[in-house]
PDB file of all heavy atoms in Angstrom:
ATOM      1  N   PRO A   1     -13.517  45.513 -32.095  1.00  0.00           N
ATOM      2  CA  PRO A   1     -13.861  46.914 -32.001  1.00  0.00           C
ATOM      3  C   PRO A   1     -12.718  47.837 -32.109  1.00  0.00           C
ATOM      4  O   PRO A   1     -11.623  47.398 -31.754  1.00  0.00           O
ATOM      5  CB  PRO A   1     -14.527  46.923 -30.565  1.00  0.00           C
ATOM      6  CG  PRO A   1     -14.988  45.575 -30.327  1.00  0.00           C
ATOM      7  CD  PRO A   1     -13.967  44.725 -31.007  1.00  0.00           C
ATOM      8  N   GLY A   2     -12.926  49.068 -32.500  1.00  0.00           N
ATOM      9  CA  GLY A   2     -11.805  49.992 -32.678  1.00  0.00           C
ATOM     10  C   GLY A   2     -12.266  51.370 -32.230  1.00  0.00           C
ATOM     11  O   GLY A   2     -13.479  51.684 -31.925  1.00  0.00           O
ATOM     12  N   GLY A   3     -11.327  52.242 -32.245  1.00  0.00           N
ATOM     13  CA  GLY A   3     -11.601  53.673 -31.963  1.00  0.00           C
ATOM     14  C   GLY A   3     -11.847  53.952 -30.505  1.00  0.00           C
ATOM     15  O   GLY A   3     -12.386  55.011 -30.198  1.00  0.00           O
ATOM     16  N   GLY A   4     -11.570  53.004 -29.632  1.00  0.00           N
ATOM     17  CA  GLY A   4     -11.825  53.194 -28.207  1.00  0.00           C
ATOM     18  C   GLY A   4     -13.271  52.833 -27.780  1.00  0.00           C
ATOM     19  O   GLY A   4     -13.707  53.206 -26.677  1.00  0.00           O
ATOM     20  N   MET A   5     -13.955  52.133 -28.720  1.00  0.00           N
ATOM     21  CA  MET A   5     -15.370  51.896 -28.315  1.00  0.00           C
ATOM     22  C   MET A   5     -15.570  51.107 -27.013  1.00  0.00           C
ATOM     23  O   MET A   5     -16.415  51.482 -26.210  1.00  0.00           O
ATOM     24  CB  MET A   5     -15.983  50.998 -29.460  1.00  0.00           C
ATOM     25  CG  MET A   5     -17.555  50.828 -29.330  1.00  0.00           C
ATOM     26  SD  MET A   5     -18.222  49.296 -29.755  1.00  0.00           S
ATOM     27  CE  MET A   5     -17.833  48.252 -28.317  1.00  0.00           C
ATOM     28  N   THR A   6     -14.752  50.081 -26.719  1.00  0.00           N
ATOM     29  CA  THR A   6     -14.935  49.369 -25.481  1.00  0.00           C
ATOM     30  C   THR A   6     -14.730  50.247 -24.261  1.00  0.00           C
ATOM     31  O   THR A   6     -15.382  50.109 -23.225  1.00  0.00           O
ATOM     32  CB  THR A   6     -13.976  48.166 -25.377  1.00  0.00           C
ATOM     33  OG1 THR A   6     -12.563  48.572 -25.498  1.00  0.00           O
ATOM     34  CG2 THR A   6     -14.242  47.146 -26.538  1.00  0.00           C
ATOM     35  N   TRP A   7     -13.787  51.199 -24.391  1.00  0.00           N
ATOM     36  CA  TRP A   7     -13.438  52.100 -23.247  1.00  0.00           C
ATOM     37  C   TRP A   7     -14.584  53.051 -23.068  1.00  0.00           C
ATOM     38  O   TRP A   7     -15.090  53.354 -21.956  1.00  0.00           O
ATOM     39  CB  TRP A   7     -12.184  52.873 -23.584  1.00  0.00           C
ATOM     40  CG  TRP A   7     -11.652  53.852 -22.593  1.00  0.00           C
ATOM     41  CD1 TRP A   7     -11.033  53.570 -21.381  1.00  0.00           C
ATOM     42  CD2 TRP A   7     -11.812  55.265 -22.539  1.00  0.00           C
ATOM     43  NE1 TRP A   7     -10.774  54.739 -20.637  1.00  0.00           N
ATOM     44  CE2 TRP A   7     -11.269  55.787 -21.409  1.00  0.00           C
ATOM     45  CE3 TRP A   7     -12.454  56.160 -23.480  1.00  0.00           C
ATOM     46  CZ2 TRP A   7     -11.213  57.106 -21.101  1.00  0.00           C
ATOM     47  CZ3 TRP A   7     -12.361  57.495 -23.244  1.00  0.00           C
ATOM     48  CH2 TRP A   7     -11.811  57.976 -21.996  1.00  0.00           C
ATOM     49  N   MET A   8     -15.078  53.735 -24.140  1.00  0.00           N
ATOM     50  CA  MET A   8     -16.174  54.705 -24.129  1.00  0.00           C
ATOM     51  C   MET A   8     -17.417  54.056 -23.561  1.00  0.00           C
ATOM     52  O   MET A   8     -18.124  54.630 -22.699  1.00  0.00           O
ATOM     53  CB  MET A   8     -16.433  55.391 -25.454  1.00  0.00           C
ATOM     54  CG  MET A   8     -15.303  56.276 -25.941  1.00  0.00           C
ATOM     55  SD  MET A   8     -15.829  57.214 -27.394  1.00  0.00           S
ATOM     56  CE  MET A   8     -15.901  55.902 -28.648  1.00  0.00           C
ATOM     57  N   LEU A   9     -17.768  52.890 -24.111  1.00  0.00           N
ATOM     58  CA  LEU A   9     -19.079  52.264 -23.778  1.00  0.00           C
ATOM     59  C   LEU A   9     -19.098  51.797 -22.282  1.00  0.00           C
ATOM     60  O   LEU A   9     -20.045  51.995 -21.607  1.00  0.00           O
ATOM     61  CB  LEU A   9     -19.293  51.023 -24.625  1.00  0.00           C
ATOM     62  CG  LEU A   9     -20.701  50.445 -24.690  1.00  0.00           C
ATOM     63  CD1 LEU A   9     -21.777  51.464 -24.943  1.00  0.00           C
ATOM     64  CD2 LEU A   9     -20.748  49.293 -25.598  1.00  0.00           C
ATOM     65  N   GLN A  10     -17.993  51.211 -21.803  1.00  0.00           N
ATOM     66  CA  GLN A  10     -17.941  50.742 -20.417  1.00  0.00           C
ATOM     67  C   GLN A  10     -18.004  51.882 -19.452  1.00  0.00           C
ATOM     68  O   GLN A  10     -18.683  51.785 -18.423  1.00  0.00           O
ATOM     69  CB  GLN A  10     -16.657  49.929 -20.177  1.00  0.00           C
ATOM     70  CG  GLN A  10     -16.743  48.559 -20.815  1.00  0.00           C
ATOM     71  CD  GLN A  10     -15.550  47.665 -20.424  1.00  0.00           C
ATOM     72  OE1 GLN A  10     -15.620  46.939 -19.538  1.00  0.00           O
ATOM     73  NE2 GLN A  10     -14.414  47.826 -21.199  1.00  0.00           N
ATOM     74  N   ARG A  11     -17.345  52.973 -19.742  1.00  0.00           N
ATOM     75  CA  ARG A  11     -17.333  54.123 -18.897  1.00  0.00           C
ATOM     76  C   ARG A  11     -18.797  54.750 -18.809  1.00  0.00           C
ATOM     77  O   ARG A  11     -19.185  55.304 -17.769  1.00  0.00           O
ATOM     78  CB  ARG A  11     -16.338  55.238 -19.364  1.00  0.00           C
ATOM     79  CG  ARG A  11     -14.934  54.914 -19.096  1.00  0.00           C
ATOM     80  CD  ARG A  11     -13.993  55.816 -19.883  1.00  0.00           C
ATOM     81  NE  ARG A  11     -14.279  57.246 -19.593  1.00  0.00           N
ATOM     82  CZ  ARG A  11     -13.651  57.957 -18.650  1.00  0.00           C
ATOM     83  NH1 ARG A  11     -12.740  57.315 -17.806  1.00  0.00           N
ATOM     84  NH2 ARG A  11     -13.799  59.221 -18.410  1.00  0.00           N
ATOM     85  N   LEU A  12     -19.527  54.674 -19.873  1.00  0.00           N
ATOM     86  CA  LEU A  12     -20.834  55.258 -19.952  1.00  0.00           C
ATOM     87  C   LEU A  12     -21.909  54.438 -19.364  1.00  0.00           C
ATOM     88  O   LEU A  12     -22.773  54.811 -18.552  1.00  0.00           O
ATOM     89  CB  LEU A  12     -21.239  55.617 -21.348  1.00  0.00           C
ATOM     90  CG  LEU A  12     -22.491  56.408 -21.571  1.00  0.00           C
ATOM     91  CD1 LEU A  12     -22.430  57.742 -20.818  1.00  0.00           C
ATOM     92  CD2 LEU A  12     -22.736  56.658 -23.101  1.00  0.00           C
ATOM     93  N   VAL A  13     -21.943  53.080 -19.670  1.00  0.00           N
ATOM     94  CA  VAL A  13     -23.042  52.224 -19.250  1.00  0.00           C
ATOM     95  C   VAL A  13     -22.637  51.131 -18.275  1.00  0.00           C
ATOM     96  O   VAL A  13     -23.505  50.414 -17.850  1.00  0.00           O
ATOM     97  CB  VAL A  13     -23.785  51.616 -20.490  1.00  0.00           C
ATOM     98  CG1 VAL A  13     -24.331  52.673 -21.336  1.00  0.00           C
ATOM     99  CG2 VAL A  13     -22.848  50.739 -21.266  1.00  0.00           C
ATOM    100  N   GLY A  14     -21.360  51.000 -17.999  1.00  0.00           N
ATOM    101  CA  GLY A  14     -20.921  49.872 -17.148  1.00  0.00           C
ATOM    102  C   GLY A  14     -20.541  48.656 -17.920  1.00  0.00           C
ATOM    103  O   GLY A  14     -20.926  48.442 -19.017  1.00  0.00           O
ATOM    104  N   PRO A  15     -19.835  47.718 -17.204  1.00  0.00           N
ATOM    105  CA  PRO A  15     -19.334  46.591 -17.916  1.00  0.00           C
ATOM    106  C   PRO A  15     -20.381  45.571 -18.335  1.00  0.00           C
ATOM    107  O   PRO A  15     -20.220  44.924 -19.373  1.00  0.00           O
ATOM    108  CB  PRO A  15     -18.382  45.953 -16.910  1.00  0.00           C
ATOM    109  CG  PRO A  15     -18.776  46.473 -15.533  1.00  0.00           C
ATOM    110  CD  PRO A  15     -19.291  47.802 -15.834  1.00  0.00           C
ATOM    111  N   GLN A  16     -21.486  45.520 -17.558  1.00  0.00           N
ATOM    112  CA  GLN A  16     -22.575  44.465 -17.954  1.00  0.00           C
ATOM    113  C   GLN A  16     -23.233  44.870 -19.251  1.00  0.00           C
ATOM    114  O   GLN A  16     -23.325  44.007 -20.184  1.00  0.00           O
ATOM    115  CB  GLN A  16     -23.570  44.323 -16.813  1.00  0.00           C
ATOM    116  CG  GLN A  16     -24.679  43.333 -17.123  1.00  0.00           C
ATOM    117  CD  GLN A  16     -25.490  42.892 -15.886  1.00  0.00           C
ATOM    118  OE1 GLN A  16     -25.360  41.810 -15.407  1.00  0.00           O
ATOM    119  NE2 GLN A  16     -26.317  43.895 -15.469  1.00  0.00           N
ATOM    120  N   THR A  17     -23.731  46.105 -19.308  1.00  0.00           N
ATOM    121  CA  THR A  17     -24.427  46.510 -20.511  1.00  0.00           C
ATOM    122  C   THR A  17     -23.432  46.519 -21.743  1.00  0.00           C
ATOM    123  O   THR A  17     -23.775  46.119 -22.869  1.00  0.00           O
ATOM    124  CB  THR A  17     -25.075  47.880 -20.376  1.00  0.00           C
ATOM    125  OG1 THR A  17     -26.075  47.822 -19.331  1.00  0.00           O
ATOM    126  CG2 THR A  17     -25.720  48.342 -21.601  1.00  0.00           C
ATOM    127  N   ALA A  18     -22.176  47.024 -21.474  1.00  0.00           N
ATOM    128  CA  ALA A  18     -21.225  47.051 -22.533  1.00  0.00           C
ATOM    129  C   ALA A  18     -20.904  45.654 -23.034  1.00  0.00           C
ATOM    130  O   ALA A  18     -20.779  45.381 -24.251  1.00  0.00           O
ATOM    131  CB  ALA A  18     -19.950  47.729 -22.054  1.00  0.00           C
ATOM    132  N   THR A  19     -20.771  44.643 -22.149  1.00  0.00           N
ATOM    133  CA  THR A  19     -20.562  43.304 -22.544  1.00  0.00           C
ATOM    134  C   THR A  19     -21.761  42.698 -23.335  1.00  0.00           C
ATOM    135  O   THR A  19     -21.543  42.022 -24.384  1.00  0.00           O
ATOM    136  CB  THR A  19     -20.285  42.413 -21.370  1.00  0.00           C
ATOM    137  OG1 THR A  19     -19.077  42.895 -20.707  1.00  0.00           O
ATOM    138  CG2 THR A  19     -20.007  40.973 -21.752  1.00  0.00           C
ATOM    139  N   ALA A  20     -22.979  43.003 -22.848  1.00  0.00           N
ATOM    140  CA  ALA A  20     -24.184  42.461 -23.621  1.00  0.00           C
ATOM    141  C   ALA A  20     -24.175  43.054 -25.017  1.00  0.00           C
ATOM    142  O   ALA A  20     -24.567  42.315 -25.972  1.00  0.00           O
ATOM    143  CB  ALA A  20     -25.407  42.860 -22.807  1.00  0.00           C
ATOM    144  N   MET A  21     -23.820  44.345 -25.182  1.00  0.00           N
ATOM    145  CA  MET A  21     -23.798  44.968 -26.436  1.00  0.00           C
ATOM    146  C   MET A  21     -22.718  44.443 -27.388  1.00  0.00           C
ATOM    147  O   MET A  21     -22.918  44.240 -28.571  1.00  0.00           O
ATOM    148  CB  MET A  21     -23.793  46.467 -26.388  1.00  0.00           C
ATOM    149  CG  MET A  21     -25.068  47.043 -25.700  1.00  0.00           C
ATOM    150  SD  MET A  21     -24.876  48.858 -25.576  1.00  0.00           S
ATOM    151  CE  MET A  21     -24.986  49.407 -27.325  1.00  0.00           C
ATOM    152  N   THR A  22     -21.501  44.313 -26.784  1.00  0.00           N
ATOM    153  CA  THR A  22     -20.328  43.997 -27.552  1.00  0.00           C
ATOM    154  C   THR A  22     -20.146  42.501 -27.856  1.00  0.00           C
ATOM    155  O   THR A  22     -19.724  42.148 -29.011  1.00  0.00           O
ATOM    156  CB  THR A  22     -19.038  44.565 -26.850  1.00  0.00           C
ATOM    157  OG1 THR A  22     -19.336  45.947 -26.558  1.00  0.00           O
ATOM    158  CG2 THR A  22     -17.834  44.483 -27.683  1.00  0.00           C
ATOM    159  N   LEU A  23     -20.352  41.725 -26.896  1.00  0.00           N
ATOM    160  CA  LEU A  23     -20.111  40.275 -27.014  1.00  0.00           C
ATOM    161  C   LEU A  23     -21.345  39.396 -27.199  1.00  0.00           C
ATOM    162  O   LEU A  23     -21.209  38.243 -27.624  1.00  0.00           O
ATOM    163  CB  LEU A  23     -19.300  39.751 -25.795  1.00  0.00           C
ATOM    164  CG  LEU A  23     -17.756  40.185 -25.818  1.00  0.00           C
ATOM    165  CD1 LEU A  23     -17.108  39.863 -24.469  1.00  0.00           C
ATOM    166  CD2 LEU A  23     -17.090  39.505 -26.976  1.00  0.00           C
ATOM    167  N   PHE A  24     -22.505  39.924 -26.828  1.00  0.00           N
ATOM    168  CA  PHE A  24     -23.693  39.133 -26.963  1.00  0.00           C
ATOM    169  C   PHE A  24     -24.695  39.692 -27.946  1.00  0.00           C
ATOM    170  O   PHE A  24     -25.828  39.239 -28.051  1.00  0.00           O
ATOM    171  CB  PHE A  24     -24.388  38.969 -25.589  1.00  0.00           C
ATOM    172  CG  PHE A  24     -23.569  38.242 -24.546  1.00  0.00           C
ATOM    173  CD1 PHE A  24     -23.518  38.700 -23.225  1.00  0.00           C
ATOM    174  CD2 PHE A  24     -22.737  37.182 -24.958  1.00  0.00           C
ATOM    175  CE1 PHE A  24     -22.708  37.993 -22.316  1.00  0.00           C
ATOM    176  CE2 PHE A  24     -21.989  36.510 -24.005  1.00  0.00           C
ATOM    177  CZ  PHE A  24     -21.973  36.879 -22.666  1.00  0.00           C
ATOM    178  N   GLY A  25     -24.249  40.744 -28.673  1.00  0.00           N
ATOM    179  CA  GLY A  25     -24.997  41.273 -29.787  1.00  0.00           C
ATOM    180  C   GLY A  25     -26.320  41.997 -29.479  1.00  0.00           C
ATOM    181  O   GLY A  25     -27.233  42.095 -30.289  1.00  0.00           O
ATOM    182  N   GLN A  26     -26.444  42.420 -28.247  1.00  0.00           N
ATOM    183  CA  GLN A  26     -27.668  43.149 -27.792  1.00  0.00           C
ATOM    184  C   GLN A  26     -27.689  44.571 -28.412  1.00  0.00           C
ATOM    185  O   GLN A  26     -26.728  45.292 -28.317  1.00  0.00           O
ATOM    186  CB  GLN A  26     -27.753  43.182 -26.310  1.00  0.00           C
ATOM    187  CG  GLN A  26     -27.934  41.779 -25.646  1.00  0.00           C
ATOM    188  CD  GLN A  26     -29.137  41.047 -26.167  1.00  0.00           C
ATOM    189  OE1 GLN A  26     -30.238  41.485 -25.955  1.00  0.00           O
ATOM    190  NE2 GLN A  26     -28.870  39.916 -26.882  1.00  0.00           N
ATOM    191  N   VAL A  27     -28.903  44.930 -28.956  1.00  0.00           N
ATOM    192  CA  VAL A  27     -29.096  46.191 -29.533  1.00  0.00           C
ATOM    193  C   VAL A  27     -30.040  47.002 -28.709  1.00  0.00           C
ATOM    194  O   VAL A  27     -31.071  46.432 -28.235  1.00  0.00           O
ATOM    195  CB  VAL A  27     -29.651  46.039 -30.963  1.00  0.00           C
ATOM    196  CG1 VAL A  27     -29.967  47.392 -31.598  1.00  0.00           C
ATOM    197  CG2 VAL A  27     -28.638  45.280 -31.866  1.00  0.00           C
ATOM    198  N   LEU A  28     -29.781  48.245 -28.329  1.00  0.00           N
ATOM    199  CA  LEU A  28     -30.552  49.071 -27.548  1.00  0.00           C
ATOM    200  C   LEU A  28     -31.425  49.963 -28.441  1.00  0.00           C
ATOM    201  O   LEU A  28     -30.864  50.704 -29.248  1.00  0.00           O
ATOM    202  CB  LEU A  28     -29.768  49.889 -26.586  1.00  0.00           C
ATOM    203  CG  LEU A  28     -28.863  49.125 -25.580  1.00  0.00           C
ATOM    204  CD1 LEU A  28     -28.307  50.115 -24.580  1.00  0.00           C
ATOM    205  CD2 LEU A  28     -29.591  48.011 -24.916  1.00  0.00           C
ATOM    206  N   ASP A  29     -32.754  49.923 -28.216  1.00  0.00           N
ATOM    207  CA  ASP A  29     -33.587  50.914 -28.880  1.00  0.00           C
ATOM    208  C   ASP A  29     -33.689  52.189 -28.116  1.00  0.00           C
ATOM    209  O   ASP A  29     -32.976  52.357 -27.102  1.00  0.00           O
ATOM    210  CB  ASP A  29     -35.024  50.281 -29.182  1.00  0.00           C
ATOM    211  CG  ASP A  29     -35.782  49.960 -27.889  1.00  0.00           C
ATOM    212  OD1 ASP A  29     -35.374  50.363 -26.786  1.00  0.00           O
ATOM    213  OD2 ASP A  29     -36.828  49.295 -28.003  1.00  0.00           O
ATOM    214  N   ALA A  30     -34.531  53.081 -28.464  1.00  0.00           N
ATOM    215  CA  ALA A  30     -34.555  54.438 -27.881  1.00  0.00           C
ATOM    216  C   ALA A  30     -34.832  54.259 -26.318  1.00  0.00           C
ATOM    217  O   ALA A  30     -34.169  54.821 -25.507  1.00  0.00           O
ATOM    218  CB  ALA A  30     -35.589  55.346 -28.478  1.00  0.00           C
ATOM    219  N   ASP A  31     -35.911  53.580 -25.960  1.00  0.00           N
ATOM    220  CA  ASP A  31     -36.260  53.499 -24.584  1.00  0.00           C
ATOM    221  C   ASP A  31     -35.181  52.721 -23.779  1.00  0.00           C
ATOM    222  O   ASP A  31     -34.918  53.127 -22.599  1.00  0.00           O
ATOM    223  CB  ASP A  31     -37.615  52.811 -24.446  1.00  0.00           C
ATOM    224  CG  ASP A  31     -38.808  53.662 -25.009  1.00  0.00           C
ATOM    225  OD1 ASP A  31     -38.609  54.854 -25.001  1.00  0.00           O
ATOM    226  OD2 ASP A  31     -39.743  53.084 -25.439  1.00  0.00           O
ATOM    227  N   ALA A  32     -34.680  51.646 -24.338  1.00  0.00           N
ATOM    228  CA  ALA A  32     -33.608  50.872 -23.639  1.00  0.00           C
ATOM    229  C   ALA A  32     -32.387  51.800 -23.418  1.00  0.00           C
ATOM    230  O   ALA A  32     -31.704  51.679 -22.397  1.00  0.00           O
ATOM    231  CB  ALA A  32     -33.265  49.647 -24.336  1.00  0.00           C
ATOM    232  N   ALA A  33     -32.066  52.577 -24.461  1.00  0.00           N
ATOM    233  CA  ALA A  33     -30.877  53.433 -24.269  1.00  0.00           C
ATOM    234  C   ALA A  33     -31.073  54.412 -23.145  1.00  0.00           C
ATOM    235  O   ALA A  33     -30.145  54.670 -22.376  1.00  0.00           O
ATOM    236  CB  ALA A  33     -30.612  54.219 -25.634  1.00  0.00           C
ATOM    237  N   VAL A  34     -32.267  55.018 -22.981  1.00  0.00           N
ATOM    238  CA  VAL A  34     -32.521  55.882 -21.856  1.00  0.00           C
ATOM    239  C   VAL A  34     -32.444  55.170 -20.545  1.00  0.00           C
ATOM    240  O   VAL A  34     -31.780  55.639 -19.558  1.00  0.00           O
ATOM    241  CB  VAL A  34     -33.813  56.687 -22.085  1.00  0.00           C
ATOM    242  CG1 VAL A  34     -34.180  57.452 -20.853  1.00  0.00           C
ATOM    243  CG2 VAL A  34     -33.845  57.531 -23.277  1.00  0.00           C
ATOM    244  N   ALA A  35     -33.096  53.991 -20.533  1.00  0.00           N
ATOM    245  CA  ALA A  35     -33.104  53.217 -19.255  1.00  0.00           C
ATOM    246  C   ALA A  35     -31.700  52.743 -18.842  1.00  0.00           C
ATOM    247  O   ALA A  35     -31.430  52.729 -17.629  1.00  0.00           O
ATOM    248  CB  ALA A  35     -34.030  51.975 -19.486  1.00  0.00           C
ATOM    249  N   ARG A  36     -30.812  52.496 -19.788  1.00  0.00           N
ATOM    250  CA  ARG A  36     -29.508  51.982 -19.450  1.00  0.00           C
ATOM    251  C   ARG A  36     -28.497  53.171 -19.274  1.00  0.00           C
ATOM    252  O   ARG A  36     -27.293  52.852 -19.014  1.00  0.00           O
ATOM    253  CB  ARG A  36     -28.974  51.075 -20.585  1.00  0.00           C
ATOM    254  CG  ARG A  36     -29.842  49.792 -20.826  1.00  0.00           C
ATOM    255  CD  ARG A  36     -29.656  48.774 -19.734  1.00  0.00           C
ATOM    256  NE  ARG A  36     -30.475  47.609 -19.979  1.00  0.00           N
ATOM    257  CZ  ARG A  36     -30.457  46.536 -19.179  1.00  0.00           C
ATOM    258  NH1 ARG A  36     -29.844  46.588 -18.089  1.00  0.00           N
ATOM    259  NH2 ARG A  36     -31.187  45.476 -19.487  1.00  0.00           N
ATOM    260  N   GLY A  37     -28.939  54.406 -19.442  1.00  0.00           N
ATOM    261  CA  GLY A  37     -27.982  55.508 -19.280  1.00  0.00           C
ATOM    262  C   GLY A  37     -27.175  55.794 -20.503  1.00  0.00           C
ATOM    263  O   GLY A  37     -26.288  56.683 -20.442  1.00  0.00           O
ATOM    264  N   LEU A  38     -27.453  55.224 -21.616  1.00  0.00           N
ATOM    265  CA  LEU A  38     -26.713  55.504 -22.860  1.00  0.00           C
ATOM    266  C   LEU A  38     -27.261  56.787 -23.475  1.00  0.00           C
ATOM    267  O   LEU A  38     -26.407  57.506 -24.104  1.00  0.00           O
ATOM    268  CB  LEU A  38     -26.942  54.360 -23.851  1.00  0.00           C
ATOM    269  CG  LEU A  38     -26.212  54.477 -25.225  1.00  0.00           C
ATOM    270  CD1 LEU A  38     -24.651  54.640 -24.973  1.00  0.00           C
ATOM    271  CD2 LEU A  38     -26.414  53.241 -26.080  1.00  0.00           C
ATOM    272  N   ALA A  39     -28.503  57.144 -23.238  1.00  0.00           N
ATOM    273  CA  ALA A  39     -29.014  58.421 -23.711  1.00  0.00           C
ATOM    274  C   ALA A  39     -29.635  59.184 -22.605  1.00  0.00           C
ATOM    275  O   ALA A  39     -30.098  58.575 -21.583  1.00  0.00           O
ATOM    276  CB  ALA A  39     -30.092  58.148 -24.779  1.00  0.00           C
ATOM    277  N   TRP A  40     -29.672  60.499 -22.735  1.00  0.00           N
ATOM    278  CA  TRP A  40     -30.213  61.383 -21.689  1.00  0.00           C
ATOM    279  C   TRP A  40     -31.814  61.328 -21.721  1.00  0.00           C
ATOM    280  O   TRP A  40     -32.386  61.292 -20.654  1.00  0.00           O
ATOM    281  CB  TRP A  40     -29.661  62.779 -21.847  1.00  0.00           C
ATOM    282  CG  TRP A  40     -30.442  63.791 -20.986  1.00  0.00           C
ATOM    283  CD1 TRP A  40     -31.266  64.819 -21.437  1.00  0.00           C
ATOM    284  CD2 TRP A  40     -30.330  63.912 -19.603  1.00  0.00           C
ATOM    285  NE1 TRP A  40     -31.668  65.561 -20.333  1.00  0.00           N
ATOM    286  CE2 TRP A  40     -31.099  65.029 -19.196  1.00  0.00           C
ATOM    287  CE3 TRP A  40     -29.692  63.188 -18.611  1.00  0.00           C
ATOM    288  CZ2 TRP A  40     -31.315  65.392 -17.865  1.00  0.00           C
ATOM    289  CZ3 TRP A  40     -29.896  63.545 -17.251  1.00  0.00           C
ATOM    290  CH2 TRP A  40     -30.637  64.673 -16.976  1.00  0.00           C
ATOM    291  N   ASP A  41     -32.349  61.410 -22.910  1.00  0.00           N
ATOM    292  CA  ASP A  41     -33.787  61.536 -23.007  1.00  0.00           C
ATOM    293  C   ASP A  41     -34.232  61.152 -24.386  1.00  0.00           C
ATOM    294  O   ASP A  41     -33.429  61.091 -25.336  1.00  0.00           O
ATOM    295  CB  ASP A  41     -34.301  62.948 -22.647  1.00  0.00           C
ATOM    296  CG  ASP A  41     -35.736  62.975 -22.172  1.00  0.00           C
ATOM    297  OD1 ASP A  41     -36.377  61.979 -22.107  1.00  0.00           O
ATOM    298  OD2 ASP A  41     -36.159  64.154 -21.820  1.00  0.00           O
ATOM    299  N   ARG A  42     -35.533  60.964 -24.545  1.00  0.00           N
ATOM    300  CA  ARG A  42     -36.171  60.661 -25.856  1.00  0.00           C
ATOM    301  C   ARG A  42     -36.983  61.834 -26.256  1.00  0.00           C
ATOM    302  O   ARG A  42     -37.674  62.463 -25.462  1.00  0.00           O
ATOM    303  CB  ARG A  42     -37.048  59.423 -25.701  1.00  0.00           C
ATOM    304  CG  ARG A  42     -37.886  59.195 -26.986  1.00  0.00           C
ATOM    305  CD  ARG A  42     -38.611  57.878 -26.834  1.00  0.00           C
ATOM    306  NE  ARG A  42     -39.664  57.713 -27.878  1.00  0.00           N
ATOM    307  CZ  ARG A  42     -40.249  56.664 -28.215  1.00  0.00           C
ATOM    308  NH1 ARG A  42     -39.925  55.484 -27.625  1.00  0.00           N
ATOM    309  NH2 ARG A  42     -41.189  56.625 -29.140  1.00  0.00           N
ATOM    310  N   ALA A  43     -36.847  62.210 -27.560  1.00  0.00           N
ATOM    311  CA  ALA A  43     -37.627  63.346 -28.070  1.00  0.00           C
ATOM    312  C   ALA A  43     -38.543  62.780 -29.162  1.00  0.00           C
ATOM    313  O   ALA A  43     -38.056  62.175 -30.153  1.00  0.00           O
ATOM    314  CB  ALA A  43     -36.693  64.382 -28.693  1.00  0.00           C
ATOM    315  N   ASP A  44     -39.852  62.859 -28.981  1.00  0.00           N
ATOM    316  CA  ASP A  44     -40.762  62.336 -29.899  1.00  0.00           C
ATOM    317  C   ASP A  44     -40.892  63.292 -31.095  1.00  0.00           C
ATOM    318  O   ASP A  44     -40.571  64.524 -31.025  1.00  0.00           O
ATOM    319  CB  ASP A  44     -42.119  62.117 -29.285  1.00  0.00           C
ATOM    320  CG  ASP A  44     -42.077  60.964 -28.310  1.00  0.00           C
ATOM    321  OD1 ASP A  44     -41.366  60.021 -28.584  1.00  0.00           O
ATOM    322  OD2 ASP A  44     -42.754  61.026 -27.324  1.00  0.00           O
TER     323      ASP A  44
END
């Protein structure tokens, strides 16, 4: 990873979610992003 991604992601969602996304290949969809604090809200 580059551009400070690991720093930005961990600060926003915490180490567990950041690790799942970065080292275990987990992809967050819209609802999961809101649930994990990566997004503020969903707009339909």
